[in-house]
Amino acid sequence: MTTTALDVRRIFNVTQETRFHFNGWYSARKHVVEQVMAHTADTVHRLTPEEVVDACLGTPGAGPPPDVADIREWRPEFAFTHVAHHVVETLGRLPGWDEFREFCETDERTRSMLWTPAQEAVADARADRLRAREAMRHKVLADFTAFLRDTYVVAALRRHGLDVRVHPLADTVFRVDAWVERLVLNPRGGPQRSADLLVHAMPPFFFHDLGLTGSEQVGAVPLPTRAQLDRAVRSLRAILYPR
């Protein structure tokens, strides 16, 4: 079940566009590169839907965030997906919101990836400190909620025997949310982020929108329903294993 950064590079760094994109990232972001290229996705592929639901139960609702432009436009060195995957693999499980927040504060490496940069962004924001802090909490909580939702989809599809894979390198550099063999999946709907990078690959990649909407609230996390997941499984099997 393990997927390394080298596995991801071997699969996706196969076009002129992806090589250009990867080389630019590799040369410009050495600190991030070291972390991401050493990352192995394992625990995230072993999670069960029930474990994800348990993590969702303690997720608080956020409500509308204060509109603080400096926080809304903040782009830290490490994308949230880097942090979330690192936390899951380090703990060996998927934490709920409270444990995730505590780990980000107390674990030295995770603190340097998210907690400290977030505090610095709040301190530098041209807004009232309390509003900036609340805006940051909303931003991180929204990212965490999205990660839980996507992880639930992966766990549910894997339970049905589909070898769905994820990795932060695939997400942030090759714009691949998830994949099965040479089928690139889009769990959230909308345009395929990776199409312009992978369209000239040979053998070709194929792209599939799972069409999953979060319509069943678990805690504050909108998860797809069982009926939606069943339809997604049927569509994936028809594409991957045509009769």
C-alpha atoms as a PDB file:
ATOM      1  CA  MET A   1       0.000   0.000   0.000  1.00  0.00           C
ATOM      2  CA  THR A   2       2.974   2.308   0.320  1.00  0.00           C
ATOM      3  CA  THR A   3       3.497   5.043  -2.242  1.00  0.00           C
ATOM      4  CA  THR A   4       6.762   6.982  -2.253  1.00  0.00           C
ATOM      5  CA  ALA A   5       7.607  10.283  -3.868  1.00  0.00           C
ATOM      6  CA  LEU A   6       9.764   8.377  -6.346  1.00  0.00           C
ATOM      7  CA  ASP A   7       6.731   6.264  -7.274  1.00  0.00           C
ATOM      8  CA  VAL A   8       4.774   9.455  -7.918  1.00  0.00           C
ATOM      9  CA  ARG A   9       7.569  10.956  -9.986  1.00  0.00           C
ATOM     10  CA  ARG A  10       7.901   7.781 -12.058  1.00  0.00           C
ATOM     11  CA  ILE A  11       4.164   7.731 -12.801  1.00  0.00           C
ATOM     12  CA  PHE A  12       3.485  11.401 -13.489  1.00  0.00           C
ATOM     13  CA  ASN A  13       6.735  13.139 -14.454  1.00  0.00           C
ATOM     14  CA  VAL A  14       6.449  11.873 -18.026  1.00  0.00           C
ATOM     15  CA  THR A  15       5.612  14.879 -20.221  1.00  0.00           C
ATOM     16  CA  GLN A  16       7.448  18.022 -21.192  1.00  0.00           C
ATOM     17  CA  GLU A  17       4.923  19.998 -19.142  1.00  0.00           C
ATOM     18  CA  THR A  18       5.308  17.913 -15.981  1.00  0.00           C
ATOM     19  CA  ARG A  19       9.112  17.920 -16.221  1.00  0.00           C
ATOM     20  CA  PHE A  20       9.148  21.700 -16.540  1.00  0.00           C
ATOM     21  CA  HIS A  21       6.739  22.036 -13.613  1.00  0.00           C
ATOM     22  CA  PHE A  22       8.603  19.543 -11.423  1.00  0.00           C
ATOM     23  CA  ASN A  23      12.034  21.024 -12.170  1.00  0.00           C
ATOM     24  CA  GLY A  24      10.837  24.513 -11.310  1.00  0.00           C
ATOM     25  CA  TRP A  25       9.419  23.338  -7.999  1.00  0.00           C
ATOM     26  CA  TYR A  26      12.485  21.217  -7.231  1.00  0.00           C
ATOM     27  CA  SER A  27      14.954  24.063  -7.785  1.00  0.00           C
ATOM     28  CA  ALA A  28      12.970  26.818  -6.075  1.00  0.00           C
ATOM     29  CA  ARG A  29      11.742  25.211  -2.858  1.00  0.00           C
ATOM     30  CA  LYS A  30      14.601  23.194  -1.380  1.00  0.00           C
ATOM     31  CA  HIS A  31      13.225  23.108   2.169  1.00  0.00           C
ATOM     32  CA  VAL A  32       9.872  21.776   1.006  1.00  0.00           C
ATOM     33  CA  VAL A  33      11.458  19.425  -1.524  1.00  0.00           C
ATOM     34  CA  GLU A  34      13.471  17.637   1.158  1.00  0.00           C
ATOM     35  CA  GLN A  35      10.343  16.935   3.211  1.00  0.00           C
ATOM     36  CA  VAL A  36       8.075  15.940   0.339  1.00  0.00           C
ATOM     37  CA  MET A  37      10.573  13.739  -1.494  1.00  0.00           C
ATOM     38  CA  ALA A  38      11.181  11.790   1.723  1.00  0.00           C
ATOM     39  CA  HIS A  39       7.469  11.258   2.348  1.00  0.00           C
ATOM     40  CA  THR A  40       5.894   7.810   2.059  1.00  0.00           C
ATOM     41  CA  ALA A  41       2.110   7.500   1.987  1.00  0.00           C
ATOM     42  CA  ASP A  42       1.164   4.358   3.884  1.00  0.00           C
ATOM     43  CA  THR A  43      -1.164   4.968   6.831  1.00  0.00           C
ATOM     44  CA  VAL A  44      -3.430   7.139   4.687  1.00  0.00           C
ATOM     45  CA  HIS A  45      -4.068   4.119   2.441  1.00  0.00           C
ATOM     46  CA  ARG A  46      -4.893   1.854   5.379  1.00  0.00           C
ATOM     47  CA  LEU A  47      -7.543   4.043   6.991  1.00  0.00           C
ATOM     48  CA  THR A  48     -11.083   2.710   7.147  1.00  0.00           C
ATOM     49  CA  PRO A  49     -14.191   4.812   6.535  1.00  0.00           C
ATOM     50  CA  GLU A  50     -15.133   4.277  10.188  1.00  0.00           C
ATOM     51  CA  GLU A  51     -11.823   5.767  11.348  1.00  0.00           C
ATOM     52  CA  VAL A  52     -12.395   8.817   9.191  1.00  0.00           C
ATOM     53  CA  VAL A  53     -15.920   9.223  10.539  1.00  0.00           C
ATOM     54  CA  ASP A  54     -14.557   9.081  14.093  1.00  0.00           C
ATOM     55  CA  ALA A  55     -12.133  11.886  13.240  1.00  0.00           C
ATOM     56  CA  CYS A  56     -14.946  13.925  11.702  1.00  0.00           C
ATOM     57  CA  LEU A  57     -17.186  13.735  14.771  1.00  0.00           C
ATOM     58  CA  GLY A  58     -15.162  16.216  16.794  1.00  0.00           C
ATOM     59  CA  THR A  59     -14.728  18.750  14.007  1.00  0.00           C
ATOM     60  CA  PRO A  60     -16.297  22.067  15.019  1.00  0.00           C
ATOM     61  CA  GLY A  61     -18.388  24.179  12.719  1.00  0.00           C
ATOM     62  CA  ALA A  62     -16.655  27.270  11.487  1.00  0.00           C
ATOM     63  CA  GLY A  63     -19.371  29.638  10.324  1.00  0.00           C
ATOM     64  CA  PRO A  64     -18.502  32.599   8.098  1.00  0.00           C
ATOM     65  CA  PRO A  65     -14.884  33.706   8.566  1.00  0.00           C
ATOM     66  CA  PRO A  66     -13.830  37.293   9.192  1.00  0.00           C
ATOM     67  CA  ASP A  67     -12.672  38.738   5.888  1.00  0.00           C
ATOM     68  CA  VAL A  68      -9.011  39.491   6.546  1.00  0.00           C
ATOM     69  CA  ALA A  69      -7.273  39.826   3.183  1.00  0.00           C
ATOM     70  CA  ASP A  70      -3.785  39.086   4.509  1.00  0.00           C
ATOM     71  CA  ILE A  71      -5.002  35.774   5.942  1.00  0.00           C
ATOM     72  CA  ARG A  72      -7.255  34.895   3.008  1.00  0.00           C
ATOM     73  CA  GLU A  73      -4.357  35.351   0.585  1.00  0.00           C
ATOM     74  CA  TRP A  74      -1.733  33.738   2.844  1.00  0.00           C
ATOM     75  CA  ARG A  75       0.190  30.962   1.092  1.00  0.00           C
ATOM     76  CA  PRO A  76       2.631  29.249   3.470  1.00  0.00           C
ATOM     77  CA  GLU A  77       5.768  27.495   2.287  1.00  0.00           C
ATOM     78  CA  PHE A  78       4.231  24.113   3.095  1.00  0.00           C
ATOM     79  CA  ALA A  79       0.793  23.540   1.587  1.00  0.00           C
ATOM     80  CA  PHE A  80      -1.798  22.151   3.988  1.00  0.00           C
ATOM     81  CA  THR A  81      -1.735  18.766   2.270  1.00  0.00           C
ATOM     82  CA  HIS A  82       1.966  18.461   3.178  1.00  0.00           C
ATOM     83  CA  VAL A  83       1.153  19.088   6.820  1.00  0.00           C
ATOM     84  CA  ALA A  84      -1.879  16.795   6.965  1.00  0.00           C
ATOM     85  CA  HIS A  85      -0.116  13.854   5.323  1.00  0.00           C
ATOM     86  CA  HIS A  86       2.921  14.329   7.565  1.00  0.00           C
ATOM     87  CA  VAL A  87       0.737  14.293  10.687  1.00  0.00           C
ATOM     88  CA  VAL A  88      -1.134  11.144   9.620  1.00  0.00           C
ATOM     89  CA  GLU A  89       2.029   9.208   8.811  1.00  0.00           C
ATOM     90  CA  THR A  90       3.853  10.386  11.947  1.00  0.00           C
ATOM     91  CA  LEU A  91       0.979   9.478  14.272  1.00  0.00           C
ATOM     92  CA  GLY A  92       0.096   6.314  12.377  1.00  0.00           C
ATOM     93  CA  ARG A  93      -3.590   7.291  12.462  1.00  0.00           C
ATOM     94  CA  LEU A  94      -5.976  10.049  11.441  1.00  0.00           C
ATOM     95  CA  PRO A  95      -6.443  12.545  14.281  1.00  0.00           C
ATOM     96  CA  GLY A  96      -9.524  14.586  15.015  1.00  0.00           C
ATOM     97  CA  TRP A  97      -9.391  18.362  15.051  1.00  0.00           C
ATOM     98  CA  ASP A  98      -8.314  18.796  18.694  1.00  0.00           C
ATOM     99  CA  GLU A  99      -5.474  16.274  18.421  1.00  0.00           C
ATOM    100  CA  PHE A 100      -4.406  17.690  15.073  1.00  0.00           C
ATOM    101  CA  ARG A 101      -4.241  21.198  16.492  1.00  0.00           C
ATOM    102  CA  GLU A 102      -2.298  20.059  19.566  1.00  0.00           C
ATOM    103  CA  PHE A 103       0.147  18.064  17.429  1.00  0.00           C
ATOM    104  CA  CYS A 104       0.787  21.054  15.175  1.00  0.00           C
ATOM    105  CA  GLU A 105       1.681  23.086  18.256  1.00  0.00           C
ATOM    106  CA  THR A 106       3.841  20.529  20.064  1.00  0.00           C
ATOM    107  CA  ASP A 107       5.592  18.492  17.351  1.00  0.00           C
ATOM    108  CA  GLU A 108       8.747  20.355  16.340  1.00  0.00           C
ATOM    109  CA  ARG A 109       8.652  19.637  12.628  1.00  0.00           C
ATOM    110  CA  THR A 110       4.916  20.202  12.247  1.00  0.00           C
ATOM    111  CA  ARG A 111       5.179  23.393  14.271  1.00  0.00           C
ATOM    112  CA  SER A 112       7.724  24.746  11.811  1.00  0.00           C
ATOM    113  CA  MET A 113       5.516  23.733   8.851  1.00  0.00           C
ATOM    114  CA  LEU A 114       2.251  25.318   9.997  1.00  0.00           C
ATOM    115  CA  TRP A 115       1.939  26.628  13.549  1.00  0.00           C
ATOM    116  CA  THR A 116       4.812  29.121  13.551  1.00  0.00           C
ATOM    117  CA  PRO A 117       4.189  30.476  10.019  1.00  0.00           C
ATOM    118  CA  ALA A 118       0.486  30.890  10.900  1.00  0.00           C
ATOM    119  CA  GLN A 119       1.341  32.845  14.041  1.00  0.00           C
ATOM    120  CA  GLU A 120       3.698  35.044  12.061  1.00  0.00           C
ATOM    121  CA  ALA A 121       1.026  35.695   9.445  1.00  0.00           C
ATOM    122  CA  VAL A 122      -1.461  36.694  12.145  1.00  0.00           C
ATOM    123  CA  ALA A 123       1.090  39.028  13.732  1.00  0.00           C
ATOM    124  CA  ASP A 124       1.845  40.652  10.361  1.00  0.00           C
ATOM    125  CA  ALA A 125      -1.776  41.030   9.261  1.00  0.00           C
ATOM    126  CA  ARG A 126      -3.038  44.571   8.783  1.00  0.00           C
ATOM    127  CA  ALA A 127      -6.095  43.890  10.897  1.00  0.00           C
ATOM    128  CA  ASP A 128      -7.180  43.564  14.496  1.00  0.00           C
ATOM    129  CA  ARG A 129      -5.247  40.698  16.096  1.00  0.00           C
ATOM    130  CA  LEU A 130      -8.371  38.857  17.281  1.00  0.00           C
ATOM    131  CA  ARG A 131      -9.998  39.061  13.833  1.00  0.00           C
ATOM    132  CA  ALA A 132      -6.795  37.891  12.181  1.00  0.00           C
ATOM    133  CA  ARG A 133      -6.475  34.973  14.580  1.00  0.00           C
ATOM    134  CA  GLU A 134     -10.086  33.936  14.016  1.00  0.00           C
ATOM    135  CA  ALA A 135      -9.638  34.201  10.246  1.00  0.00           C
ATOM    136  CA  MET A 136      -6.600  31.933  10.474  1.00  0.00           C
ATOM    137  CA  ARG A 137      -8.509  29.402  12.556  1.00  0.00           C
ATOM    138  CA  HIS A 138     -11.257  29.351   9.925  1.00  0.00           C
ATOM    139  CA  LYS A 139      -8.739  28.913   7.125  1.00  0.00           C
ATOM    140  CA  VAL A 140      -6.935  25.974   8.732  1.00  0.00           C
ATOM    141  CA  LEU A 141     -10.186  24.370   9.875  1.00  0.00           C
ATOM    142  CA  ALA A 142     -11.599  24.576   6.341  1.00  0.00           C
ATOM    143  CA  ASP A 143      -8.464  22.895   4.963  1.00  0.00           C
ATOM    144  CA  PHE A 144      -8.657  20.199   7.631  1.00  0.00           C
ATOM    145  CA  THR A 145     -12.333  19.574   6.865  1.00  0.00           C
ATOM    146  CA  ALA A 146     -11.556  19.212   3.138  1.00  0.00           C
ATOM    147  CA  PHE A 147      -8.746  16.771   3.936  1.00  0.00           C
ATOM    148  CA  LEU A 148     -11.106  14.648   6.057  1.00  0.00           C
ATOM    149  CA  ARG A 149     -13.666  14.587   3.278  1.00  0.00           C
ATOM    150  CA  ASP A 150     -11.159  13.536   0.623  1.00  0.00           C
ATOM    151  CA  THR A 151      -9.643  10.930   2.929  1.00  0.00           C
ATOM    152  CA  TYR A 152     -13.082   9.463   3.542  1.00  0.00           C
ATOM    153  CA  VAL A 153     -13.625   9.103  -0.202  1.00  0.00           C
ATOM    154  CA  VAL A 154     -10.270   7.325  -0.606  1.00  0.00           C
ATOM    155  CA  ALA A 155     -10.992   4.988   2.321  1.00  0.00           C
ATOM    156  CA  ALA A 156     -14.466   4.160   1.013  1.00  0.00           C
ATOM    157  CA  LEU A 157     -13.254   3.429  -2.524  1.00  0.00           C
ATOM    158  CA  ARG A 158     -10.365   1.315  -1.263  1.00  0.00           C
ATOM    159  CA  ARG A 159     -12.789  -0.732   0.835  1.00  0.00           C
ATOM    160  CA  HIS A 160     -14.495  -1.673  -2.431  1.00  0.00           C
ATOM    161  CA  GLY A 161     -11.224  -3.084  -3.747  1.00  0.00           C
ATOM    162  CA  LEU A 162     -10.164  -0.067  -5.825  1.00  0.00           C
ATOM    163  CA  ASP A 163      -6.455   0.714  -5.434  1.00  0.00           C
ATOM    164  CA  VAL A 164      -6.887   4.463  -5.025  1.00  0.00           C
ATOM    165  CA  ARG A 165      -3.639   6.282  -4.172  1.00  0.00           C
ATOM    166  CA  VAL A 166      -2.780   9.735  -2.849  1.00  0.00           C
ATOM    167  CA  HIS A 167       0.463  11.553  -2.119  1.00  0.00           C
ATOM    168  CA  PRO A 168       1.271  15.215  -1.378  1.00  0.00           C
ATOM    169  CA  LEU A 169       3.755  15.352  -4.263  1.00  0.00           C
ATOM    170  CA  ALA A 170       1.051  14.253  -6.692  1.00  0.00           C
ATOM    171  CA  ASP A 171      -1.351  16.818  -5.230  1.00  0.00           C
ATOM    172  CA  THR A 172       0.823  19.908  -5.122  1.00  0.00           C
ATOM    173  CA  VAL A 173       3.222  19.433  -8.054  1.00  0.00           C
ATOM    174  CA  PHE A 174       1.336  17.284 -10.566  1.00  0.00           C
ATOM    175  CA  ARG A 175      -2.129  18.517  -9.495  1.00  0.00           C
ATOM    176  CA  VAL A 176      -3.447  14.975  -9.037  1.00  0.00           C
ATOM    177  CA  ASP A 177      -5.923  14.625  -6.172  1.00  0.00           C
ATOM    178  CA  ALA A 178      -6.041  10.823  -6.369  1.00  0.00           C
ATOM    179  CA  TRP A 179      -5.508   8.085  -8.921  1.00  0.00           C
ATOM    180  CA  VAL A 180      -6.060   4.434  -9.758  1.00  0.00           C
ATOM    181  CA  GLU A 181      -3.531   3.019 -12.201  1.00  0.00           C
ATOM    182  CA  ARG A 182      -3.643   5.557 -15.087  1.00  0.00           C
ATOM    183  CA  LEU A 183      -7.021   6.988 -14.161  1.00  0.00           C
ATOM    184  CA  VAL A 184      -6.783  10.403 -12.488  1.00  0.00           C
ATOM    185  CA  LEU A 185      -9.678  11.069 -10.122  1.00  0.00           C
ATOM    186  CA  ASN A 186     -11.327  14.316  -9.178  1.00  0.00           C
ATOM    187  CA  PRO A 187     -13.253  13.756  -5.940  1.00  0.00           C
ATOM    188  CA  ARG A 188     -14.488  17.351  -5.578  1.00  0.00           C
ATOM    189  CA  GLY A 189     -15.846  18.026  -9.058  1.00  0.00           C
ATOM    190  CA  GLY A 190     -14.965  20.862 -11.382  1.00  0.00           C
ATOM    191  CA  PRO A 191     -12.162  21.069 -13.954  1.00  0.00           C
ATOM    192  CA  GLN A 192      -9.367  18.516 -13.855  1.00  0.00           C
ATOM    193  CA  ARG A 193      -6.376  20.352 -12.398  1.00  0.00           C
ATOM    194  CA  SER A 194      -3.826  18.046 -14.016  1.00  0.00           C
ATOM    195  CA  ALA A 195      -5.230  17.797 -17.533  1.00  0.00           C
ATOM    196  CA  ASP A 196      -2.956  20.452 -19.060  1.00  0.00           C
ATOM    197  CA  LEU A 197       0.113  18.788 -17.542  1.00  0.00           C
ATOM    198  CA  LEU A 198      -0.707  15.195 -18.496  1.00  0.00           C
ATOM    199  CA  VAL A 199      -2.637  15.508 -21.742  1.00  0.00           C
ATOM    200  CA  HIS A 200       0.366  14.567 -23.910  1.00  0.00           C
ATOM    201  CA  ALA A 201       1.423  11.534 -21.857  1.00  0.00           C
ATOM    202  CA  MET A 202       1.992   8.233 -23.662  1.00  0.00           C
ATOM    203  CA  PRO A 203       0.522   5.870 -22.746  1.00  0.00           C
ATOM    204  CA  PRO A 204      -2.295   8.287 -21.994  1.00  0.00           C
ATOM    205  CA  PHE A 205      -3.875   9.140 -18.693  1.00  0.00           C
ATOM    206  CA  PHE A 206      -7.634   9.218 -18.373  1.00  0.00           C
ATOM    207  CA  PHE A 207      -9.603  11.581 -16.171  1.00  0.00           C
ATOM    208  CA  HIS A 208     -12.757  10.953 -14.202  1.00  0.00           C
ATOM    209  CA  ASP A 209     -14.932  13.259 -12.116  1.00  0.00           C
ATOM    210  CA  LEU A 210     -16.389  11.192  -9.297  1.00  0.00           C
ATOM    211  CA  GLY A 211     -19.306  13.572  -8.945  1.00  0.00           C
ATOM    212  CA  LEU A 212     -19.334  13.288  -5.154  1.00  0.00           C
ATOM    213  CA  THR A 213     -21.009  16.102  -3.263  1.00  0.00           C
ATOM    214  CA  GLY A 214     -20.840  16.382   0.479  1.00  0.00           C
ATOM    215  CA  SER A 215     -24.483  16.043   1.476  1.00  0.00           C
ATOM    216  CA  GLU A 216     -24.301  14.053   4.710  1.00  0.00           C
ATOM    217  CA  GLN A 217     -22.989  15.992   7.711  1.00  0.00           C
ATOM    218  CA  VAL A 218     -20.733  14.120  10.138  1.00  0.00           C
ATOM    219  CA  GLY A 219     -19.685  16.591  12.759  1.00  0.00           C
ATOM    220  CA  ALA A 220     -19.111  19.662  10.616  1.00  0.00           C
ATOM    221  CA  VAL A 221     -17.744  17.637   7.682  1.00  0.00           C
ATOM    222  CA  PRO A 222     -19.926  17.134   4.584  1.00  0.00           C
ATOM    223  CA  LEU A 223     -19.417  13.558   3.412  1.00  0.00           C
ATOM    224  CA  PRO A 224     -20.846  11.847   0.338  1.00  0.00           C
ATOM    225  CA  THR A 225     -23.740   9.486   0.920  1.00  0.00           C
ATOM    226  CA  ARG A 226     -23.517   5.723   0.503  1.00  0.00           C
ATOM    227  CA  ALA A 227     -25.642   5.957  -2.648  1.00  0.00           C
ATOM    228  CA  GLN A 228     -23.221   8.479  -4.164  1.00  0.00           C
ATOM    229  CA  LEU A 229     -20.254   6.280  -3.303  1.00  0.00           C
ATOM    230  CA  ASP A 230     -21.945   3.192  -4.755  1.00  0.00           C
ATOM    231  CA  ARG A 231     -22.498   5.046  -8.035  1.00  0.00           C
ATOM    232  CA  ALA A 232     -18.865   6.172  -8.037  1.00  0.00           C
ATOM    233  CA  VAL A 233     -17.659   2.606  -7.463  1.00  0.00           C
ATOM    234  CA  ARG A 234     -19.791   1.287 -10.329  1.00  0.00           C
ATOM    235  CA  SER A 235     -18.536   3.975 -12.691  1.00  0.00           C
ATOM    236  CA  LEU A 236     -14.898   3.340 -11.770  1.00  0.00           C
ATOM    237  CA  ARG A 237     -15.226  -0.413 -12.218  1.00  0.00           C
ATOM    238  CA  ALA A 238     -16.845   0.107 -15.631  1.00  0.00           C
ATOM    239  CA  ILE A 239     -13.901   2.274 -16.709  1.00  0.00           C
ATOM    240  CA  LEU A 240     -11.120   0.199 -15.182  1.00  0.00           C
ATOM    241  CA  TYR A 241     -12.461  -3.260 -15.865  1.00  0.00           C
ATOM    242  CA  PRO A 242     -14.724  -3.107 -18.941  1.00  0.00           C
ATOM    243  CA  ARG A 243     -16.363  -6.349 -19.926  1.00  0.00           C
END
